[in-house]
Amino acid sequence: MKKLFKCTVCGYVSEGTLEKCPKCGVDASKFEELSSEAAEKIYRSDKSNDIHMEIIALAEKIAFLSQEGIEDNLDPKCLAAFTQAKDEAWTIKQRSKAELAGHMSLGKW
């Protein structure tokens, strides 16, 4: 496992040392090495975080497609199905976003 370093200004995490933070631009002196336990949390959470991001992307696609169906307004049953799908996609998206926020608050980013 590579060593991880965290910018103490913006929270950016880097594998290995950098000359400056790619996010906020401060110099390398503002980075601190993470403990092996903290680094392990980050490495272990990569897969789960990626899955949540993919679920969010799919939910956005469902919402977009559902909106097209709503606008087409073929018949009341279709309209109801598309409206329900759009609402459920929003819930799924928000659930995954909340999980990601929870991971971030626990240092699993």
Protein backbone atom coordinates (compact mmCIF):
# COMPACT_ATOMS: atom_id res chain seq x y z
CA MET A 1 0.00 0.00 0.00
CA LYS A 2 1.32 3.43 -0.95
CA LYS A 3 1.66 6.13 1.67
CA LEU A 4 -1.07 8.74 1.63
CA PHE A 5 -0.69 12.42 2.39
CA LYS A 6 -3.50 14.86 3.20
CA CYS A 7 -3.55 18.60 2.55
CA THR A 8 -4.31 20.25 5.88
CA VAL A 9 -5.87 23.22 4.08
CA CYS A 10 -8.45 21.62 1.76
CA GLY A 11 -8.40 17.89 2.62
CA TYR A 12 -7.05 16.66 -0.76
CA VAL A 13 -5.45 13.21 -0.42
CA SER A 14 -2.42 12.24 -2.48
CA GLU A 15 -0.55 9.00 -3.04
CA GLY A 16 3.03 10.04 -2.41
CA THR A 17 4.39 13.52 -2.01
CA LEU A 18 3.61 16.49 -4.23
CA GLU A 19 5.24 19.87 -4.78
CA LYS A 20 1.90 21.61 -4.32
CA CYS A 21 -1.73 20.71 -3.77
CA PRO A 22 -3.55 20.20 -7.07
CA LYS A 23 -6.80 21.40 -5.48
CA CYS A 24 -5.90 24.53 -3.50
CA GLY A 25 -2.32 25.19 -4.63
CA VAL A 26 -0.56 25.32 -1.23
CA ASP A 27 2.98 23.99 -1.06
CA ALA A 28 3.94 20.50 0.12
CA SER A 29 4.69 21.70 3.67
CA LYS A 30 0.92 21.78 4.27
CA PHE A 31 0.60 18.00 3.69
CA GLU A 32 0.67 15.49 6.51
CA GLU A 33 1.19 11.76 6.18
CA LEU A 34 -1.86 9.72 7.14
CA SER A 35 -1.57 6.87 9.58
CA SER A 36 -1.65 3.37 8.13
CA GLU A 37 -5.13 2.94 9.67
CA ALA A 38 -6.45 6.09 7.99
CA ALA A 39 -4.86 5.09 4.67
CA GLU A 40 -6.41 1.62 4.93
CA LYS A 41 -9.87 3.19 5.40
CA ILE A 42 -9.40 5.21 2.24
CA TYR A 43 -8.12 2.30 0.15
CA ARG A 44 -10.87 -0.03 1.39
CA SER A 45 -13.60 2.51 0.69
CA ASP A 46 -12.60 3.11 -2.96
CA LYS A 47 -14.79 0.31 -4.32
CA SER A 48 -17.87 1.27 -2.28
CA ASN A 49 -17.50 4.94 -3.19
CA ASP A 50 -17.16 4.05 -6.88
CA ILE A 51 -20.31 1.93 -6.68
CA HIS A 52 -22.23 4.79 -5.07
CA MET A 53 -21.04 7.20 -7.78
CA GLU A 54 -22.16 4.77 -10.49
CA ILE A 55 -25.57 4.40 -8.81
CA ILE A 56 -25.89 8.20 -8.76
CA ALA A 57 -25.04 8.38 -12.48
CA LEU A 58 -27.59 5.67 -13.30
CA ALA A 59 -30.27 7.36 -11.19
CA GLU A 60 -29.64 10.60 -13.08
CA LYS A 61 -30.08 8.72 -16.37
CA ILE A 62 -33.34 7.18 -15.13
CA ALA A 63 -34.59 10.63 -14.11
CA PHE A 64 -33.67 12.08 -17.51
CA LEU A 65 -35.37 9.26 -19.41
CA SER A 66 -38.41 9.44 -17.17
CA GLN A 67 -38.69 13.17 -17.84
CA GLU A 68 -38.74 12.43 -21.58
CA GLY A 69 -41.61 10.00 -20.98
CA ILE A 70 -43.43 12.56 -18.85
CA GLU A 71 -43.10 15.15 -21.60
CA ASP A 72 -44.32 12.65 -24.22
CA ASN A 73 -47.45 12.12 -22.08
CA LEU A 74 -48.69 9.16 -24.13
CA ASP A 75 -51.34 8.07 -21.66
CA PRO A 76 -52.13 8.35 -17.94
CA LYS A 77 -50.59 4.97 -17.03
CA CYS A 78 -47.32 5.79 -18.78
CA LEU A 79 -47.27 9.24 -17.22
CA ALA A 80 -47.79 7.72 -13.78
CA ALA A 81 -45.06 5.12 -14.33
CA PHE A 82 -42.56 7.71 -15.55
CA THR A 83 -43.40 10.08 -12.71
CA GLN A 84 -42.94 7.30 -10.15
CA ALA A 85 -39.64 6.23 -11.76
CA LYS A 86 -38.37 9.82 -11.66
CA ASP A 87 -39.34 10.16 -7.98
CA GLU A 88 -37.72 6.83 -7.08
CA ALA A 89 -34.55 7.76 -8.98
CA TRP A 90 -34.31 10.92 -6.88
CA THR A 91 -34.59 8.86 -3.69
CA ILE A 92 -31.93 6.38 -4.84
CA LYS A 93 -29.61 9.21 -5.85
CA GLN A 94 -30.03 11.01 -2.52
CA ARG A 95 -29.48 7.79 -0.56
CA SER A 96 -26.14 7.18 -2.28
CA LYS A 97 -25.13 10.81 -1.87
CA ALA A 98 -25.87 10.57 1.84
CA GLU A 99 -23.74 7.42 2.08
CA LEU A 100 -20.86 9.18 0.33
CA ALA A 101 -21.19 12.15 2.71
CA GLY A 102 -21.07 9.71 5.62
CA HIS A 103 -17.93 8.11 4.23
CA MET A 104 -16.29 11.51 3.87
CA SER A 105 -17.09 12.46 7.46
CA LEU A 106 -15.43 9.23 8.59
CA GLY A 107 -12.28 9.82 6.52
CA LYS A 108 -13.21 7.18 3.92
CA TRP A 109 -12.80 9.22 0.76
